[in-house]
Amino acid sequence: MRLILRWFVGLPIAVVVIAFVIANRQWTRLSLDPFSSTSPAFSIELPLWVLFIFGVFIGMLVGWSACWFAQGRYRKLARDRGREIAQLQAAAAQAKPADSDETGITPYLGLMP
């Protein structure tokens, strides 16, 4: 099922990206100098599609890190609850009577066969 879904979603995206790359092969100057447009201090020339793909990649990284930081409190809560569960299980194992079976139910000899 996942393979079929991956093909139905991934193939159209791949076709659109390939068409975009082929249509935008012209070179573009990326300048980070706001004061001089004729001879900028730092500029680089590269194809327009590289700028687009790089922008999408940076956007994905920023979105991923924002989600990761936003969910930090839930990860902390899960760690704390995991420690609490381990402590409770250790306490329950110590308090377990010696004559009980694995289910934790102590048989009462007068009523059970």
PDB file of N, CA and C in Angstrom:
ATOM      1  N   MET A   1       0.821  -1.190   0.000  1.00  0.00           N
ATOM      2  CA  MET A   1       0.000   0.000   0.000  1.00  0.00           C
ATOM      3  C   MET A   1       0.867   1.257   0.000  1.00  0.00           C
ATOM      4  N   ARG A   2       1.892   1.232   0.857  1.00  0.00           N
ATOM      5  CA  ARG A   2       2.781   2.400   0.905  1.00  0.00           C
ATOM      6  C   ARG A   2       3.528   2.597  -0.402  1.00  0.00           C
ATOM      7  N   LEU A   3       3.912   1.506  -1.031  1.00  0.00           N
ATOM      8  CA  LEU A   3       4.626   1.606  -2.291  1.00  0.00           C
ATOM      9  C   LEU A   3       3.754   2.253  -3.363  1.00  0.00           C
ATOM     10  N   ILE A   4       2.506   1.857  -3.420  1.00  0.00           N
ATOM     11  CA  ILE A   4       1.587   2.443  -4.394  1.00  0.00           C
ATOM     12  C   ILE A   4       1.375   3.922  -4.101  1.00  0.00           C
ATOM     13  N   LEU A   5       1.170   4.260  -2.835  1.00  0.00           N
ATOM     14  CA  LEU A   5       0.994   5.661  -2.451  1.00  0.00           C
ATOM     15  C   LEU A   5       2.243   6.477  -2.765  1.00  0.00           C
ATOM     16  N   ARG A   6       3.402   5.896  -2.519  1.00  0.00           N
ATOM     17  CA  ARG A   6       4.654   6.592  -2.810  1.00  0.00           C
ATOM     18  C   ARG A   6       4.781   6.885  -4.297  1.00  0.00           C
ATOM     19  N   TRP A   7       4.375   5.935  -5.129  1.00  0.00           N
ATOM     20  CA  TRP A   7       4.434   6.159  -6.567  1.00  0.00           C
ATOM     21  C   TRP A   7       3.420   7.207  -7.019  1.00  0.00           C
ATOM     22  N   PHE A   8       2.205   7.171  -6.459  1.00  0.00           N
ATOM     23  CA  PHE A   8       1.185   8.129  -6.861  1.00  0.00           C
ATOM     24  C   PHE A   8       1.506   9.550  -6.413  1.00  0.00           C
ATOM     25  N   VAL A   9       2.230   9.695  -5.329  1.00  0.00           N
ATOM     26  CA  VAL A   9       2.599  11.027  -4.842  1.00  0.00           C
ATOM     27  C   VAL A   9       3.971  11.423  -5.366  1.00  0.00           C
ATOM     28  N   GLY A  10       4.927  10.512  -5.315  1.00  0.00           N
ATOM     29  CA  GLY A  10       6.306  10.830  -5.669  1.00  0.00           C
ATOM     30  C   GLY A  10       6.525  11.063  -7.154  1.00  0.00           C
ATOM     31  N   LEU A  11       5.870  10.291  -7.994  1.00  0.00           N
ATOM     32  CA  LEU A  11       6.067  10.432  -9.436  1.00  0.00           C
ATOM     33  C   LEU A  11       5.621  11.795  -9.957  1.00  0.00           C
ATOM     34  N   PRO A  12       4.418  12.298  -9.621  1.00  0.00           N
ATOM     35  CA  PRO A  12       4.059  13.636 -10.094  1.00  0.00           C
ATOM     36  C   PRO A  12       4.988  14.730  -9.555  1.00  0.00           C
ATOM     37  N   ILE A  13       5.422  14.597  -8.311  1.00  0.00           N
ATOM     38  CA  ILE A  13       6.349  15.591  -7.758  1.00  0.00           C
ATOM     39  C   ILE A  13       7.671  15.557  -8.523  1.00  0.00           C
ATOM     40  N   ALA A  14       8.161  14.361  -8.813  1.00  0.00           N
ATOM     41  CA  ALA A  14       9.410  14.237  -9.565  1.00  0.00           C
ATOM     42  C   ALA A  14       9.274  14.824 -10.965  1.00  0.00           C
ATOM     43  N   VAL A  15       8.148  14.601 -11.610  1.00  0.00           N
ATOM     44  CA  VAL A  15       7.930  15.152 -12.955  1.00  0.00           C
ATOM     45  C   VAL A  15       7.905  16.681 -12.915  1.00  0.00           C
ATOM     46  N   VAL A  16       7.238  17.249 -11.916  1.00  0.00           N
ATOM     47  CA  VAL A  16       7.172  18.712 -11.799  1.00  0.00           C
ATOM     48  C   VAL A  16       8.557  19.293 -11.515  1.00  0.00           C
ATOM     49  N   VAL A  17       9.312  18.662 -10.639  1.00  0.00           N
ATOM     50  CA  VAL A  17      10.656  19.163 -10.327  1.00  0.00           C
ATOM     51  C   VAL A  17      11.561  19.069 -11.541  1.00  0.00           C
ATOM     52  N   ILE A  18      11.509  17.981 -12.281  1.00  0.00           N
ATOM     53  CA  ILE A  18      12.341  17.835 -13.487  1.00  0.00           C
ATOM     54  C   ILE A  18      11.940  18.858 -14.538  1.00  0.00           C
ATOM     55  N   ALA A  19      10.648  19.088 -14.711  1.00  0.00           N
ATOM     56  CA  ALA A  19      10.197  20.111 -15.663  1.00  0.00           C
ATOM     57  C   ALA A  19      10.666  21.498 -15.234  1.00  0.00           C
ATOM     58  N   PHE A  20      10.628  21.789 -13.941  1.00  0.00           N
ATOM     59  CA  PHE A  20      11.095  23.075 -13.433  1.00  0.00           C
ATOM     60  C   PHE A  20      12.591  23.253 -13.678  1.00  0.00           C
ATOM     61  N   VAL A  21      13.353  22.202 -13.444  1.00  0.00           N
ATOM     62  CA  VAL A  21      14.803  22.282 -13.650  1.00  0.00           C
ATOM     63  C   VAL A  21      15.125  22.516 -15.119  1.00  0.00           C
ATOM     64  N   ILE A  22      14.436  21.836 -16.016  1.00  0.00           N
ATOM     65  CA  ILE A  22      14.691  21.999 -17.444  1.00  0.00           C
ATOM     66  C   ILE A  22      14.279  23.393 -17.913  1.00  0.00           C
ATOM     67  N   ALA A  23      13.195  23.923 -17.390  1.00  0.00           N
ATOM     68  CA  ALA A  23      12.701  25.234 -17.829  1.00  0.00           C
ATOM     69  C   ALA A  23      13.508  26.389 -17.254  1.00  0.00           C
ATOM     70  N   ASN A  24      14.240  26.184 -16.160  1.00  0.00           N
ATOM     71  CA  ASN A  24      14.967  27.279 -15.505  1.00  0.00           C
ATOM     72  C   ASN A  24      16.463  26.997 -15.476  1.00  0.00           C
ATOM     73  N   ARG A  25      17.039  26.865 -16.661  1.00  0.00           N
ATOM     74  CA  ARG A  25      18.471  26.588 -16.743  1.00  0.00           C
ATOM     75  C   ARG A  25      19.310  27.848 -16.804  1.00  0.00           C
ATOM     76  N   GLN A  26      18.694  29.021 -16.943  1.00  0.00           N
ATOM     77  CA  GLN A  26      19.468  30.245 -17.074  1.00  0.00           C
ATOM     78  C   GLN A  26      20.201  30.574 -15.769  1.00  0.00           C
ATOM     79  N   TRP A  27      21.322  31.232 -15.910  1.00  0.00           N
ATOM     80  CA  TRP A  27      22.145  31.567 -14.755  1.00  0.00           C
ATOM     81  C   TRP A  27      21.643  32.849 -14.111  1.00  0.00           C
ATOM     82  N   THR A  28      21.698  32.893 -12.794  1.00  0.00           N
ATOM     83  CA  THR A  28      21.216  34.032 -12.021  1.00  0.00           C
ATOM     84  C   THR A  28      22.288  34.411 -11.016  1.00  0.00           C
ATOM     85  N   ARG A  29      22.419  35.722 -10.784  1.00  0.00           N
ATOM     86  CA  ARG A  29      23.397  36.185  -9.803  1.00  0.00           C
ATOM     87  C   ARG A  29      22.705  36.368  -8.456  1.00  0.00           C
ATOM     88  N   LEU A  30      23.251  35.715  -7.464  1.00  0.00           N
ATOM     89  CA  LEU A  30      22.786  35.869  -6.095  1.00  0.00           C
ATOM     90  C   LEU A  30      23.752  36.829  -5.409  1.00  0.00           C
ATOM     91  N   SER A  31      23.249  37.992  -5.008  1.00  0.00           N
ATOM     92  CA  SER A  31      24.088  39.015  -4.388  1.00  0.00           C
ATOM     93  C   SER A  31      23.603  39.280  -2.974  1.00  0.00           C
ATOM     94  N   LEU A  32      24.533  39.306  -2.042  1.00  0.00           N
ATOM     95  CA  LEU A  32      24.198  39.600  -0.657  1.00  0.00           C
ATOM     96  C   LEU A  32      24.677  40.981  -0.240  1.00  0.00           C
ATOM     97  N   ASP A  33      24.954  41.832  -1.224  1.00  0.00           N
ATOM     98  CA  ASP A  33      25.396  43.207  -0.959  1.00  0.00           C
ATOM     99  C   ASP A  33      24.262  44.165  -1.323  1.00  0.00           C
ATOM    100  N   PRO A  34      23.579  44.764  -0.335  1.00  0.00           N
ATOM    101  CA  PRO A  34      22.452  45.642  -0.649  1.00  0.00           C
ATOM    102  C   PRO A  34      22.870  47.025  -1.144  1.00  0.00           C
ATOM    103  N   PHE A  35      24.152  47.382  -1.081  1.00  0.00           N
ATOM    104  CA  PHE A  35      24.580  48.739  -1.410  1.00  0.00           C
ATOM    105  C   PHE A  35      25.108  48.894  -2.825  1.00  0.00           C
ATOM    106  N   SER A  36      25.631  47.844  -3.416  1.00  0.00           N
ATOM    107  CA  SER A  36      26.200  47.942  -4.754  1.00  0.00           C
ATOM    108  C   SER A  36      25.614  46.847  -5.637  1.00  0.00           C
ATOM    109  N   SER A  37      24.900  47.261  -6.676  1.00  0.00           N
ATOM    110  CA  SER A  37      24.316  46.270  -7.581  1.00  0.00           C
ATOM    111  C   SER A  37      25.233  45.990  -8.773  1.00  0.00           C
ATOM    112  N   THR A  38      26.146  46.907  -9.085  1.00  0.00           N
ATOM    113  CA  THR A  38      27.033  46.689 -10.232  1.00  0.00           C
ATOM    114  C   THR A  38      28.221  45.808  -9.879  1.00  0.00           C
ATOM    115  N   SER A  39      28.841  46.055  -8.735  1.00  0.00           N
ATOM    116  CA  SER A  39      29.971  45.212  -8.308  1.00  0.00           C
ATOM    117  C   SER A  39      29.796  44.866  -6.830  1.00  0.00           C
ATOM    118  N   PRO A  40      28.975  43.901  -6.540  1.00  0.00           N
ATOM    119  CA  PRO A  40      28.725  43.543  -5.141  1.00  0.00           C
ATOM    120  C   PRO A  40      29.960  42.913  -4.483  1.00  0.00           C
ATOM    121  N   ALA A  41      30.032  43.074  -3.163  1.00  0.00           N
ATOM    122  CA  ALA A  41      31.157  42.523  -2.414  1.00  0.00           C
ATOM    123  C   ALA A  41      31.115  40.999  -2.415  1.00  0.00           C
ATOM    124  N   PHE A  42      29.935  40.446  -2.285  1.00  0.00           N
ATOM    125  CA  PHE A  42      29.800  38.995  -2.324  1.00  0.00           C
ATOM    126  C   PHE A  42      28.650  38.634  -3.251  1.00  0.00           C
ATOM    127  N   SER A  43      28.963  37.919  -4.295  1.00  0.00           N
ATOM    128  CA  SER A  43      27.919  37.431  -5.197  1.00  0.00           C
ATOM    129  C   SER A  43      28.382  36.116  -5.803  1.00  0.00           C
ATOM    130  N   ILE A  44      27.413  35.357  -6.225  1.00  0.00           N
ATOM    131  CA  ILE A  44      27.704  34.073  -6.855  1.00  0.00           C
ATOM    132  C   ILE A  44      26.684  33.868  -7.971  1.00  0.00           C
ATOM    133  N   GLU A  45      27.140  33.282  -9.061  1.00  0.00           N
ATOM    134  CA  GLU A  45      26.240  32.991 -10.176  1.00  0.00           C
ATOM    135  C   GLU A  45      26.010  31.485 -10.244  1.00  0.00           C
ATOM    136  N   LEU A  46      24.749  31.131 -10.298  1.00  0.00           N
ATOM    137  CA  LEU A  46      24.369  29.731 -10.386  1.00  0.00           C
ATOM    138  C   LEU A  46      23.011  29.626 -11.055  1.00  0.00           C
ATOM    139  N   PRO A  47      22.650  28.432 -11.499  1.00  0.00           N
ATOM    140  CA  PRO A  47      21.347  28.267 -12.156  1.00  0.00           C
ATOM    141  C   PRO A  47      20.191  28.556 -11.192  1.00  0.00           C
ATOM    142  N   LEU A  48      19.107  29.043 -11.750  1.00  0.00           N
ATOM    143  CA  LEU A  48      17.950  29.414 -10.942  1.00  0.00           C
ATOM    144  C   LEU A  48      17.378  28.218 -10.199  1.00  0.00           C
ATOM    145  N   TRP A  49      17.396  27.052 -10.799  1.00  0.00           N
ATOM    146  CA  TRP A  49      16.828  25.871 -10.134  1.00  0.00           C
ATOM    147  C   TRP A  49      17.614  25.500  -8.888  1.00  0.00           C
ATOM    148  N   VAL A  50      18.919  25.783  -8.875  1.00  0.00           N
ATOM    149  CA  VAL A  50      19.719  25.494  -7.683  1.00  0.00           C
ATOM    150  C   VAL A  50      19.254  26.377  -6.528  1.00  0.00           C
ATOM    151  N   LEU A  51      18.983  27.655  -6.823  1.00  0.00           N
ATOM    152  CA  LEU A  51      18.468  28.551  -5.786  1.00  0.00           C
ATOM    153  C   LEU A  51      17.129  28.063  -5.247  1.00  0.00           C
ATOM    154  N   PHE A  52      16.271  27.616  -6.149  1.00  0.00           N
ATOM    155  CA  PHE A  52      14.958  27.127  -5.733  1.00  0.00           C
ATOM    156  C   PHE A  52      15.076  25.882  -4.854  1.00  0.00           C
ATOM    157  N   ILE A  53      15.848  24.908  -5.293  1.00  0.00           N
ATOM    158  CA  ILE A  53      16.008  23.665  -4.525  1.00  0.00           C
ATOM    159  C   ILE A  53      16.667  23.959  -3.183  1.00  0.00           C
ATOM    160  N   PHE A  54      17.654  24.849  -3.170  1.00  0.00           N
ATOM    161  CA  PHE A  54      18.312  25.225  -1.919  1.00  0.00           C
ATOM    162  C   PHE A  54      17.318  25.905  -0.976  1.00  0.00           C
ATOM    163  N   GLY A  55      16.453  26.763  -1.508  1.00  0.00           N
ATOM    164  CA  GLY A  55      15.435  27.417  -0.682  1.00  0.00           C
ATOM    165  C   GLY A  55      14.446  26.427  -0.095  1.00  0.00           C
ATOM    166  N   VAL A  56      14.037  25.445  -0.875  1.00  0.00           N
ATOM    167  CA  VAL A  56      13.126  24.416  -0.373  1.00  0.00           C
ATOM    168  C   VAL A  56      13.815  23.606   0.726  1.00  0.00           C
ATOM    169  N   PHE A  57      15.076  23.279   0.526  1.00  0.00           N
ATOM    170  CA  PHE A  57      15.829  22.511   1.519  1.00  0.00           C
ATOM    171  C   PHE A  57      15.964  23.294   2.826  1.00  0.00           C
ATOM    172  N   ILE A  58      16.297  24.565   2.741  1.00  0.00           N
ATOM    173  CA  ILE A  58      16.420  25.407   3.941  1.00  0.00           C
ATOM    174  C   ILE A  58      15.061  25.519   4.636  1.00  0.00           C
ATOM    175  N   GLY A  59      13.986  25.674   3.871  1.00  0.00           N
ATOM    176  CA  GLY A  59      12.651  25.732   4.455  1.00  0.00           C
ATOM    177  C   GLY A  59      12.280  24.449   5.190  1.00  0.00           C
ATOM    178  N   MET A  60      12.655  23.318   4.626  1.00  0.00           N
ATOM    179  CA  MET A  60      12.390  22.039   5.291  1.00  0.00           C
ATOM    180  C   MET A  60      13.179  21.931   6.591  1.00  0.00           C
ATOM    181  N   LEU A  61      14.435  22.372   6.582  1.00  0.00           N
ATOM    182  CA  LEU A  61      15.240  22.330   7.805  1.00  0.00           C
ATOM    183  C   LEU A  61      14.671  23.237   8.891  1.00  0.00           C
ATOM    184  N   VAL A  62      14.241  24.433   8.505  1.00  0.00           N
ATOM    185  CA  VAL A  62      13.662  25.360   9.482  1.00  0.00           C
ATOM    186  C   VAL A  62      12.356  24.798  10.041  1.00  0.00           C
ATOM    187  N   GLY A  63      11.513  24.232   9.196  1.00  0.00           N
ATOM    188  CA  GLY A  63      10.258  23.634   9.657  1.00  0.00           C
ATOM    189  C   GLY A  63      10.493  22.444  10.566  1.00  0.00           C
ATOM    190  N   TRP A  64      11.470  21.599  10.214  1.00  0.00           N
ATOM    191  CA  TRP A  64      11.778  20.444  11.038  1.00  0.00           C
ATOM    192  C   TRP A  64      12.274  20.877  12.422  1.00  0.00           C
ATOM    193  N   SER A  65      13.181  21.860  12.441  1.00  0.00           N
ATOM    194  CA  SER A  65      13.716  22.289  13.737  1.00  0.00           C
ATOM    195  C   SER A  65      12.645  22.985  14.573  1.00  0.00           C
ATOM    196  N   ALA A  66      11.750  23.744  13.948  1.00  0.00           N
ATOM    197  CA  ALA A  66      10.670  24.385  14.701  1.00  0.00           C
ATOM    198  C   ALA A  66       9.749  23.337  15.330  1.00  0.00           C
ATOM    199  N   CYS A  67       9.418  22.297  14.586  1.00  0.00           N
ATOM    200  CA  CYS A  67       8.584  21.213  15.135  1.00  0.00           C
ATOM    201  C   CYS A  67       9.316  20.486  16.256  1.00  0.00           C
ATOM    202  N   TRP A  68      10.608  20.241  16.071  1.00  0.00           N
ATOM    203  CA  TRP A  68      11.377  19.518  17.074  1.00  0.00           C
ATOM    204  C   TRP A  68      11.423  20.298  18.382  1.00  0.00           C
ATOM    205  N   PHE A  69      11.667  21.623  18.304  1.00  0.00           N
ATOM    206  CA  PHE A  69      11.700  22.431  19.517  1.00  0.00           C
ATOM    207  C   PHE A  69      10.314  22.570  20.144  1.00  0.00           C
ATOM    208  N   ALA A  70       9.277  22.663  19.330  1.00  0.00           N
ATOM    209  CA  ALA A  70       7.924  22.810  19.858  1.00  0.00           C
ATOM    210  C   ALA A  70       7.464  21.545  20.583  1.00  0.00           C
ATOM    211  N   GLN A  71       7.944  20.397  20.186  1.00  0.00           N
ATOM    212  CA  GLN A  71       7.525  19.144  20.808  1.00  0.00           C
ATOM    213  C   GLN A  71       8.449  18.701  21.928  1.00  0.00           C
ATOM    214  N   GLY A  72       9.375  19.539  22.321  1.00  0.00           N
ATOM    215  CA  GLY A  72      10.327  19.187  23.365  1.00  0.00           C
ATOM    216  C   GLY A  72       9.675  18.884  24.697  1.00  0.00           C
ATOM    217  N   ARG A  73       8.644  19.623  25.037  1.00  0.00           N
ATOM    218  CA  ARG A  73       7.994  19.381  26.328  1.00  0.00           C
ATOM    219  C   ARG A  73       7.314  18.019  26.369  1.00  0.00           C
ATOM    220  N   TYR A  74       6.827  17.550  25.223  1.00  0.00           N
ATOM    221  CA  TYR A  74       6.190  16.234  25.192  1.00  0.00           C
ATOM    222  C   TYR A  74       7.235  15.117  25.301  1.00  0.00           C
ATOM    223  N   ARG A  75       8.407  15.319  24.690  1.00  0.00           N
ATOM    224  CA  ARG A  75       9.471  14.338  24.847  1.00  0.00           C
ATOM    225  C   ARG A  75       9.930  14.277  26.296  1.00  0.00           C
ATOM    226  N   LYS A  76      10.029  15.437  26.957  1.00  0.00           N
ATOM    227  CA  LYS A  76      10.420  15.473  28.371  1.00  0.00           C
ATOM    228  C   LYS A  76       9.373  14.770  29.228  1.00  0.00           C
ATOM    229  N   LEU A  77       8.103  15.009  28.946  1.00  0.00           N
ATOM    230  CA  LEU A  77       7.030  14.354  29.689  1.00  0.00           C
ATOM    231  C   LEU A  77       7.089  12.833  29.508  1.00  0.00           C
ATOM    232  N   ALA A  78       7.362  12.378  28.295  1.00  0.00           N
ATOM    233  CA  ALA A  78       7.469  10.939  28.040  1.00  0.00           C
ATOM    234  C   ALA A  78       8.653  10.335  28.793  1.00  0.00           C
ATOM    235  N   ARG A  79       9.789  11.036  28.826  1.00  0.00           N
ATOM    236  CA  ARG A  79      10.935  10.542  29.598  1.00  0.00           C
ATOM    237  C   ARG A  79      10.604  10.458  31.078  1.00  0.00           C
ATOM    238  N   ASP A  80       9.968  11.512  31.616  1.00  0.00           N
ATOM    239  CA  ASP A  80       9.610  11.518  33.038  1.00  0.00           C
ATOM    240  C   ASP A  80       8.640  10.389  33.371  1.00  0.00           C
ATOM    241  N   ARG A  81       7.657  10.185  32.516  1.00  0.00           N
ATOM    242  CA  ARG A  81       6.683   9.111  32.768  1.00  0.00           C
ATOM    243  C   ARG A  81       7.328   7.742  32.630  1.00  0.00           C
ATOM    244  N   GLY A  82       8.290   7.602  31.735  1.00  0.00           N
ATOM    245  CA  GLY A  82       9.010   6.339  31.608  1.00  0.00           C
ATOM    246  C   GLY A  82       9.800   6.021  32.868  1.00  0.00           C
ATOM    247  N   ARG A  83      10.449   7.051  33.428  1.00  0.00           N
ATOM    248  CA  ARG A  83      11.172   6.848  34.689  1.00  0.00           C
ATOM    249  C   ARG A  83      10.210   6.484  35.818  1.00  0.00           C
ATOM    250  N   GLU A  84       9.059   7.151  35.852  1.00  0.00           N
ATOM    251  CA  GLU A  84       8.059   6.870  36.886  1.00  0.00           C
ATOM    252  C   GLU A  84       7.543   5.436  36.764  1.00  0.00           C
ATOM    253  N   ILE A  85       7.300   4.985  35.550  1.00  0.00           N
ATOM    254  CA  ILE A  85       6.832   3.615  35.330  1.00  0.00           C
ATOM    255  C   ILE A  85       7.891   2.615  35.795  1.00  0.00           C
ATOM    256  N   ALA A  86       9.162   2.898  35.468  1.00  0.00           N
ATOM    257  CA  ALA A  86      10.228   1.990  35.895  1.00  0.00           C
ATOM    258  C   ALA A  86      10.314   1.931  37.422  1.00  0.00           C
ATOM    259  N   GLN A  87      10.160   3.072  38.088  1.00  0.00           N
ATOM    260  CA  GLN A  87      10.195   3.082  39.552  1.00  0.00           C
ATOM    261  C   GLN A  87       9.014   2.307  40.138  1.00  0.00           C
ATOM    262  N   LEU A  88       7.831   2.497  39.574  1.00  0.00           N
ATOM    263  CA  LEU A  88       6.657   1.785  40.069  1.00  0.00           C
ATOM    264  C   LEU A  88       6.763   0.289  39.841  1.00  0.00           C
ATOM    265  N   GLN A  89       7.327  -0.118  38.707  1.00  0.00           N
ATOM    266  CA  GLN A  89       7.509  -1.546  38.449  1.00  0.00           C
ATOM    267  C   GLN A  89       8.521  -2.153  39.417  1.00  0.00           C
ATOM    268  N   ALA A  90       9.581  -1.390  39.712  1.00  0.00           N
ATOM    269  CA  ALA A  90      10.566  -1.894  40.676  1.00  0.00           C
ATOM    270  C   ALA A  90       9.949  -2.008  42.064  1.00  0.00           C
ATOM    271  N   ALA A  91       9.138  -1.031  42.440  1.00  0.00           N
ATOM    272  CA  ALA A  91       8.476  -1.089  43.747  1.00  0.00           C
ATOM    273  C   ALA A  91       7.478  -2.236  43.803  1.00  0.00           C
ATOM    274  N   ALA A  92       6.770  -2.486  42.721  1.00  0.00           N
ATOM    275  CA  ALA A  92       5.807  -3.588  42.682  1.00  0.00           C
ATOM    276  C   ALA A  92       6.522  -4.929  42.733  1.00  0.00           C
ATOM    277  N   ALA A  93       7.694  -5.035  42.124  1.00  0.00           N
ATOM    278  CA  ALA A  93       8.438  -6.288  42.154  1.00  0.00           C
ATOM    279  C   ALA A  93       8.960  -6.578  43.559  1.00  0.00           C
ATOM    280  N   GLN A  94       9.314  -5.539  44.282  1.00  0.00           N
ATOM    281  CA  GLN A  94       9.790  -5.735  45.654  1.00  0.00           C
ATOM    282  C   GLN A  94       8.643  -6.091  46.594  1.00  0.00           C
ATOM    283  N   ALA A  95       7.475  -5.538  46.363  1.00  0.00           N
ATOM    284  CA  ALA A  95       6.334  -5.760  47.251  1.00  0.00           C
ATOM    285  C   ALA A  95       5.583  -7.034  46.926  1.00  0.00           C
ATOM    286  N   LYS A  96       5.978  -7.757  45.921  1.00  0.00           N
ATOM    287  CA  LYS A  96       5.283  -8.966  45.485  1.00  0.00           C
ATOM    288  C   LYS A  96       5.508 -10.084  46.511  1.00  0.00           C
ATOM    289  N   PRO A  97       4.440 -10.727  46.998  1.00  0.00           N
ATOM    290  CA  PRO A  97       4.622 -11.824  47.956  1.00  0.00           C
ATOM    291  C   PRO A  97       5.292 -13.024  47.307  1.00  0.00           C
ATOM    292  N   ALA A  98       5.999 -13.795  48.091  1.00  0.00           N
ATOM    293  CA  ALA A  98       6.776 -14.920  47.567  1.00  0.00           C
ATOM    294  C   ALA A  98       5.889 -16.059  47.077  1.00  0.00           C
ATOM    295  N   ASP A  99       4.702 -16.257  47.646  1.00  0.00           N
ATOM    296  CA  ASP A  99       3.873 -17.397  47.267  1.00  0.00           C
ATOM    297  C   ASP A  99       2.871 -17.086  46.157  1.00  0.00           C
ATOM    298  N   SER A 100       2.958 -15.946  45.535  1.00  0.00           N
ATOM    299  CA  SER A 100       2.009 -15.617  44.466  1.00  0.00           C
ATOM    300  C   SER A 100       2.521 -16.153  43.141  1.00  0.00           C
ATOM    301  N   ASP A 101       1.609 -16.350  42.198  1.00  0.00           N
ATOM    302  CA  ASP A 101       2.015 -16.821  40.886  1.00  0.00           C
ATOM    303  C   ASP A 101       2.396 -15.615  40.010  1.00  0.00           C
ATOM    304  N   GLU A 102       2.642 -15.844  38.723  1.00  0.00           N
ATOM    305  CA  GLU A 102       3.110 -14.795  37.815  1.00  0.00           C
ATOM    306  C   GLU A 102       2.073 -13.711  37.544  1.00  0.00           C
ATOM    307  N   THR A 103       0.796 -14.011  37.710  1.00  0.00           N
ATOM    308  CA  THR A 103      -0.235 -13.014  37.446  1.00  0.00           C
ATOM    309  C   THR A 103      -0.384 -12.032  38.584  1.00  0.00           C
ATOM    310  N   GLY A 104       0.236 -12.292  39.699  1.00  0.00           N
ATOM    311  CA  GLY A 104       0.143 -11.395  40.844  1.00  0.00           C
ATOM    312  C   GLY A 104      -1.048 -11.699  41.719  1.00  0.00           C
ATOM    313  N   ILE A 105      -1.760 -12.781  41.428  1.00  0.00           N
ATOM    314  CA  ILE A 105      -2.929 -13.149  42.214  1.00  0.00           C
ATOM    315  C   ILE A 105      -2.500 -14.214  43.214  1.00  0.00           C
ATOM    316  N   THR A 106      -2.731 -13.966  44.466  1.00  0.00           N
ATOM    317  CA  THR A 106      -2.393 -14.936  45.507  1.00  0.00           C
ATOM    318  C   THR A 106      -3.564 -15.903  45.676  1.00  0.00           C
ATOM    319  N   PRO A 107      -3.333 -17.202  45.540  1.00  0.00           N
ATOM    320  CA  PRO A 107      -4.433 -18.162  45.658  1.00  0.00           C
ATOM    321  C   PRO A 107      -4.909 -18.254  47.114  1.00  0.00           C
ATOM    322  N   TYR A 108      -6.194 -18.327  47.265  1.00  0.00           N
ATOM    323  CA  TYR A 108      -6.803 -18.501  48.572  1.00  0.00           C
ATOM    324  C   TYR A 108      -7.213 -19.977  48.673  1.00  0.00           C
ATOM    325  N   LEU A 109      -6.563 -20.719  49.511  1.00  0.00           N
ATOM    326  CA  LEU A 109      -6.697 -22.169  49.504  1.00  0.00           C
ATOM    327  C   LEU A 109      -8.092 -22.671  49.882  1.00  0.00           C
ATOM    328  N   GLY A 110      -8.847 -21.907  50.600  1.00  0.00           N
ATOM    329  CA  GLY A 110     -10.165 -22.366  50.999  1.00  0.00           C
ATOM    330  C   GLY A 110     -11.182 -22.314  49.899  1.00  0.00           C
ATOM    331  N   LEU A 111     -11.006 -21.460  48.858  1.00  0.00           N
ATOM    332  CA  LEU A 111     -12.008 -21.292  47.836  1.00  0.00           C
ATOM    333  C   LEU A 111     -11.594 -21.812  46.466  1.00  0.00           C
ATOM    334  N   MET A 112     -10.343 -21.899  46.200  1.00  0.00           N
ATOM    335  CA  MET A 112      -9.888 -22.295  44.849  1.00  0.00           C
ATOM    336  C   MET A 112      -9.432 -23.739  44.845  1.00  0.00           C
ATOM    337  N   PRO A 113      -9.773 -24.504  43.835  1.00  0.00           N
ATOM    338  CA  PRO A 113      -9.343 -25.924  43.771  1.00  0.00           C
ATOM    339  C   PRO A 113      -7.859 -26.054  43.537  1.00  0.00           C
TER     340      PRO A 113
END
